[in-house]
Amino acid sequence: MGLDKAKTVQGQEIMITKKDGKVMVDNATVVATDVKAKNGVIHVIDAVIMPK
């Protein structure tokens, strides 16, 4: 895994980690990756990340 954090559109940093073989974004688990959309690629998580 190459990233350990990323910046949101609002400028907030979110942590990217690996736990028990699963990729986590803050406390959300990535459940689907590389879903192709008309205007980009989607990665699905199992929770809503709210701004702090």
PDB file of N, CA and C in Angstrom:
ATOM      1  N   MET A   1       0.853  -1.170   0.000  1.00  0.00           N
ATOM      2  CA  MET A   1       0.000   0.000   0.000  1.00  0.00           C
ATOM      3  C   MET A   1       0.897   1.230   0.000  1.00  0.00           C
ATOM      4  N   GLY A   2       0.627   2.184  -0.893  1.00  0.00           N
ATOM      5  CA  GLY A   2       1.498   3.330  -1.037  1.00  0.00           C
ATOM      6  C   GLY A   2       1.124   4.548  -0.215  1.00  0.00           C
ATOM      7  N   LEU A   3      -0.161   4.785   0.013  1.00  0.00           N
ATOM      8  CA  LEU A   3      -0.593   5.974   0.751  1.00  0.00           C
ATOM      9  C   LEU A   3      -0.866   5.645   2.205  1.00  0.00           C
ATOM     10  N   ASP A   4      -0.572   6.602   3.097  1.00  0.00           N
ATOM     11  CA  ASP A   4      -0.974   6.429   4.493  1.00  0.00           C
ATOM     12  C   ASP A   4      -1.921   7.534   4.936  1.00  0.00           C
ATOM     13  N   LYS A   5      -2.085   8.566   4.079  1.00  0.00           N
ATOM     14  CA  LYS A   5      -3.080   9.610   4.333  1.00  0.00           C
ATOM     15  C   LYS A   5      -3.400  10.303   3.020  1.00  0.00           C
ATOM     16  N   ALA A   6      -4.558  10.950   2.992  1.00  0.00           N
ATOM     17  CA  ALA A   6      -4.987  11.697   1.811  1.00  0.00           C
ATOM     18  C   ALA A   6      -5.729  12.933   2.283  1.00  0.00           C
ATOM     19  N   LYS A   7      -5.879  13.889   1.384  1.00  0.00           N
ATOM     20  CA  LYS A   7      -6.571  15.127   1.727  1.00  0.00           C
ATOM     21  C   LYS A   7      -7.933  15.140   1.041  1.00  0.00           C
ATOM     22  N   THR A   8      -8.984  15.493   1.800  1.00  0.00           N
ATOM     23  CA  THR A   8     -10.329  15.582   1.238  1.00  0.00           C
ATOM     24  C   THR A   8     -10.482  16.878   0.454  1.00  0.00           C
ATOM     25  N   VAL A   9     -11.604  17.010  -0.229  1.00  0.00           N
ATOM     26  CA  VAL A   9     -11.901  18.233  -0.976  1.00  0.00           C
ATOM     27  C   VAL A   9     -11.933  19.441  -0.040  1.00  0.00           C
ATOM     28  N   GLN A  10     -12.391  19.243   1.208  1.00  0.00           N
ATOM     29  CA  GLN A  10     -12.451  20.328   2.188  1.00  0.00           C
ATOM     30  C   GLN A  10     -11.099  20.620   2.822  1.00  0.00           C
ATOM     31  N   GLY A  11     -10.080  19.827   2.507  1.00  0.00           N
ATOM     32  CA  GLY A  11      -8.748  20.060   3.045  1.00  0.00           C
ATOM     33  C   GLY A  11      -8.408  19.257   4.290  1.00  0.00           C
ATOM     34  N   GLN A  12      -9.321  18.425   4.756  1.00  0.00           N
ATOM     35  CA  GLN A  12      -9.096  17.593   5.938  1.00  0.00           C
ATOM     36  C   GLN A  12      -8.265  16.367   5.560  1.00  0.00           C
ATOM     37  N   GLU A  13      -7.351  15.953   6.430  1.00  0.00           N
ATOM     38  CA  GLU A  13      -6.582  14.732   6.188  1.00  0.00           C
ATOM     39  C   GLU A  13      -7.347  13.526   6.714  1.00  0.00           C
ATOM     40  N   ILE A  14      -7.356  12.451   5.926  1.00  0.00           N
ATOM     41  CA  ILE A  14      -7.929  11.183   6.357  1.00  0.00           C
ATOM     42  C   ILE A  14      -6.818  10.137   6.325  1.00  0.00           C
ATOM     43  N   MET A  15      -6.853   9.224   7.270  1.00  0.00           N
ATOM     44  CA  MET A  15      -5.823   8.200   7.386  1.00  0.00           C
ATOM     45  C   MET A  15      -6.220   6.961   6.581  1.00  0.00           C
ATOM     46  N   ILE A  16      -5.251   6.383   5.893  1.00  0.00           N
ATOM     47  CA  ILE A  16      -5.452   5.154   5.135  1.00  0.00           C
ATOM     48  C   ILE A  16      -4.552   4.096   5.755  1.00  0.00           C
ATOM     49  N   THR A  17      -5.171   3.010   6.236  1.00  0.00           N
ATOM     50  CA  THR A  17      -4.422   1.956   6.911  1.00  0.00           C
ATOM     51  C   THR A  17      -4.869   0.590   6.404  1.00  0.00           C
ATOM     52  N   LYS A  18      -4.149  -0.433   6.802  1.00  0.00           N
ATOM     53  CA  LYS A  18      -4.522  -1.810   6.503  1.00  0.00           C
ATOM     54  C   LYS A  18      -4.679  -2.537   7.831  1.00  0.00           C
ATOM     55  N   LYS A  19      -5.839  -3.179   8.047  1.00  0.00           N
ATOM     56  CA  LYS A  19      -6.125  -3.872   9.299  1.00  0.00           C
ATOM     57  C   LYS A  19      -6.774  -5.214   8.978  1.00  0.00           C
ATOM     58  N   ASP A  20      -6.201  -6.282   9.487  1.00  0.00           N
ATOM     59  CA  ASP A  20      -6.716  -7.635   9.244  1.00  0.00           C
ATOM     60  C   ASP A  20      -6.902  -7.918   7.749  1.00  0.00           C
ATOM     61  N   GLY A  21      -5.975  -7.422   6.925  1.00  0.00           N
ATOM     62  CA  GLY A  21      -6.036  -7.660   5.495  1.00  0.00           C
ATOM     63  C   GLY A  21      -7.006  -6.771   4.741  1.00  0.00           C
ATOM     64  N   LYS A  22      -7.654  -5.827   5.427  1.00  0.00           N
ATOM     65  CA  LYS A  22      -8.618  -4.929   4.791  1.00  0.00           C
ATOM     66  C   LYS A  22      -8.085  -3.506   4.807  1.00  0.00           C
ATOM     67  N   VAL A  23      -8.385  -2.759   3.745  1.00  0.00           N
ATOM     68  CA  VAL A  23      -7.974  -1.359   3.676  1.00  0.00           C
ATOM     69  C   VAL A  23      -9.026  -0.513   4.384  1.00  0.00           C
ATOM     70  N   MET A  24      -8.546   0.376   5.255  1.00  0.00           N
ATOM     71  CA  MET A  24      -9.425   1.246   6.040  1.00  0.00           C
ATOM     72  C   MET A  24      -9.173   2.699   5.651  1.00  0.00           C
ATOM     73  N   VAL A  25     -10.234   3.485   5.561  1.00  0.00           N
ATOM     74  CA  VAL A  25     -10.153   4.929   5.356  1.00  0.00           C
ATOM     75  C   VAL A  25     -10.789   5.540   6.595  1.00  0.00           C
ATOM     76  N   ASP A  26      -9.966   6.159   7.442  1.00  0.00           N
ATOM     77  CA  ASP A  26     -10.366   6.520   8.807  1.00  0.00           C
ATOM     78  C   ASP A  26     -10.910   5.248   9.453  1.00  0.00           C
ATOM     79  N   ASN A  27     -12.169   5.204   9.861  1.00  0.00           N
ATOM     80  CA  ASN A  27     -12.724   3.990  10.480  1.00  0.00           C
ATOM     81  C   ASN A  27     -13.638   3.219   9.533  1.00  0.00           C
ATOM     82  N   ALA A  28     -13.639   3.557   8.263  1.00  0.00           N
ATOM     83  CA  ALA A  28     -14.484   2.893   7.273  1.00  0.00           C
ATOM     84  C   ALA A  28     -13.667   1.845   6.514  1.00  0.00           C
ATOM     85  N   THR A  29     -14.307   0.726   6.213  1.00  0.00           N
ATOM     86  CA  THR A  29     -13.660  -0.346   5.456  1.00  0.00           C
ATOM     87  C   THR A  29     -13.968  -0.185   3.971  1.00  0.00           C
ATOM     88  N   VAL A  30     -12.954  -0.339   3.141  1.00  0.00           N
ATOM     89  CA  VAL A  30     -13.161  -0.323   1.691  1.00  0.00           C
ATOM     90  C   VAL A  30     -13.789  -1.662   1.310  1.00  0.00           C
ATOM     91  N   VAL A  31     -14.994  -1.617   0.710  1.00  0.00           N
ATOM     92  CA  VAL A  31     -15.714  -2.850   0.382  1.00  0.00           C
ATOM     93  C   VAL A  31     -15.724  -3.165  -1.115  1.00  0.00           C
ATOM     94  N   ALA A  32     -15.439  -2.171  -1.961  1.00  0.00           N
ATOM     95  CA  ALA A  32     -15.352  -2.397  -3.409  1.00  0.00           C
ATOM     96  C   ALA A  32     -14.365  -1.385  -3.982  1.00  0.00           C
ATOM     97  N   THR A  33     -13.567  -1.839  -4.937  1.00  0.00           N
ATOM     98  CA  THR A  33     -12.568  -0.948  -5.534  1.00  0.00           C
ATOM     99  C   THR A  33     -12.699  -0.928  -7.049  1.00  0.00           C
ATOM    100  N   ASP A  34     -12.200   0.140  -7.630  1.00  0.00           N
ATOM    101  CA  ASP A  34     -12.091   0.275  -9.081  1.00  0.00           C
ATOM    102  C   ASP A  34     -13.415   0.078  -9.820  1.00  0.00           C
ATOM    103  N   VAL A  35     -14.499   0.632  -9.269  1.00  0.00           N
ATOM    104  CA  VAL A  35     -15.797   0.603  -9.936  1.00  0.00           C
ATOM    105  C   VAL A  35     -15.777   1.717 -10.980  1.00  0.00           C
ATOM    106  N   LYS A  36     -15.868   1.349 -12.245  1.00  0.00           N
ATOM    107  CA  LYS A  36     -15.766   2.339 -13.317  1.00  0.00           C
ATOM    108  C   LYS A  36     -17.079   3.102 -13.458  1.00  0.00           C
ATOM    109  N   ALA A  37     -16.971   4.423 -13.494  1.00  0.00           N
ATOM    110  CA  ALA A  37     -18.115   5.306 -13.705  1.00  0.00           C
ATOM    111  C   ALA A  37     -17.847   6.141 -14.950  1.00  0.00           C
ATOM    112  N   LYS A  38     -18.857   6.837 -15.418  1.00  0.00           N
ATOM    113  CA  LYS A  38     -18.717   7.646 -16.631  1.00  0.00           C
ATOM    114  C   LYS A  38     -17.650   8.726 -16.477  1.00  0.00           C
ATOM    115  N   ASN A  39     -17.527   9.286 -15.264  1.00  0.00           N
ATOM    116  CA  ASN A  39     -16.596  10.400 -15.066  1.00  0.00           C
ATOM    117  C   ASN A  39     -15.432  10.067 -14.135  1.00  0.00           C
ATOM    118  N   GLY A  40     -15.150   8.779 -13.910  1.00  0.00           N
ATOM    119  CA  GLY A  40     -14.015   8.432 -13.059  1.00  0.00           C
ATOM    120  C   GLY A  40     -14.122   7.027 -12.508  1.00  0.00           C
ATOM    121  N   VAL A  41     -13.423   6.795 -11.417  1.00  0.00           N
ATOM    122  CA  VAL A  41     -13.384   5.491 -10.763  1.00  0.00           C
ATOM    123  C   VAL A  41     -13.851   5.661  -9.323  1.00  0.00           C
ATOM    124  N   ILE A  42     -14.653   4.717  -8.836  1.00  0.00           N
ATOM    125  CA  ILE A  42     -15.228   4.790  -7.490  1.00  0.00           C
ATOM    126  C   ILE A  42     -14.629   3.691  -6.619  1.00  0.00           C
ATOM    127  N   HIS A  43     -14.345   4.033  -5.365  1.00  0.00           N
ATOM    128  CA  HIS A  43     -13.982   3.056  -4.348  1.00  0.00           C
ATOM    129  C   HIS A  43     -15.046   3.182  -3.259  1.00  0.00           C
ATOM    130  N   VAL A  44     -15.720   2.089  -2.921  1.00  0.00           N
ATOM    131  CA  VAL A  44     -16.860   2.111  -2.003  1.00  0.00           C
ATOM    132  C   VAL A  44     -16.394   1.785  -0.593  1.00  0.00           C
ATOM    133  N   ILE A  45     -16.862   2.583   0.400  1.00  0.00           N
ATOM    134  CA  ILE A  45     -16.583   2.322   1.809  1.00  0.00           C
ATOM    135  C   ILE A  45     -17.893   2.043   2.527  1.00  0.00           C
ATOM    136  N   ASP A  46     -17.808   1.437   3.717  1.00  0.00           N
ATOM    137  CA  ASP A  46     -19.014   1.019   4.430  1.00  0.00           C
ATOM    138  C   ASP A  46     -19.503   2.020   5.476  1.00  0.00           C
ATOM    139  N   ALA A  47     -19.039   3.256   5.415  1.00  0.00           N
ATOM    140  CA  ALA A  47     -19.460   4.279   6.375  1.00  0.00           C
ATOM    141  C   ALA A  47     -19.346   5.652   5.723  1.00  0.00           C
ATOM    142  N   VAL A  48     -20.032   6.606   6.327  1.00  0.00           N
ATOM    143  CA  VAL A  48     -19.942   7.992   5.862  1.00  0.00           C
ATOM    144  C   VAL A  48     -18.834   8.680   6.649  1.00  0.00           C
ATOM    145  N   ILE A  49     -17.946   9.364   5.956  1.00  0.00           N
ATOM    146  CA  ILE A  49     -16.889  10.125   6.625  1.00  0.00           C
ATOM    147  C   ILE A  49     -17.368  11.567   6.740  1.00  0.00           C
ATOM    148  N   MET A  50     -17.593  12.003   7.964  1.00  0.00           N
ATOM    149  CA  MET A  50     -18.098  13.354   8.219  1.00  0.00           C
ATOM    150  C   MET A  50     -16.937  14.307   8.484  1.00  0.00           C
ATOM    151  N   PRO A  51     -17.054  15.558   8.009  1.00  0.00           N
ATOM    152  CA  PRO A  51     -16.012  16.549   8.313  1.00  0.00           C
ATOM    153  C   PRO A  51     -15.926  16.801   9.811  1.00  0.00           C
ATOM    154  N   LYS A  52     -14.729  17.113  10.283  1.00  0.00           N
ATOM    155  CA  LYS A  52     -14.548  17.379  11.711  1.00  0.00           C
ATOM    156  C   LYS A  52     -14.693  18.850  11.990  1.00  0.00           C
TER     157      LYS A  52
END
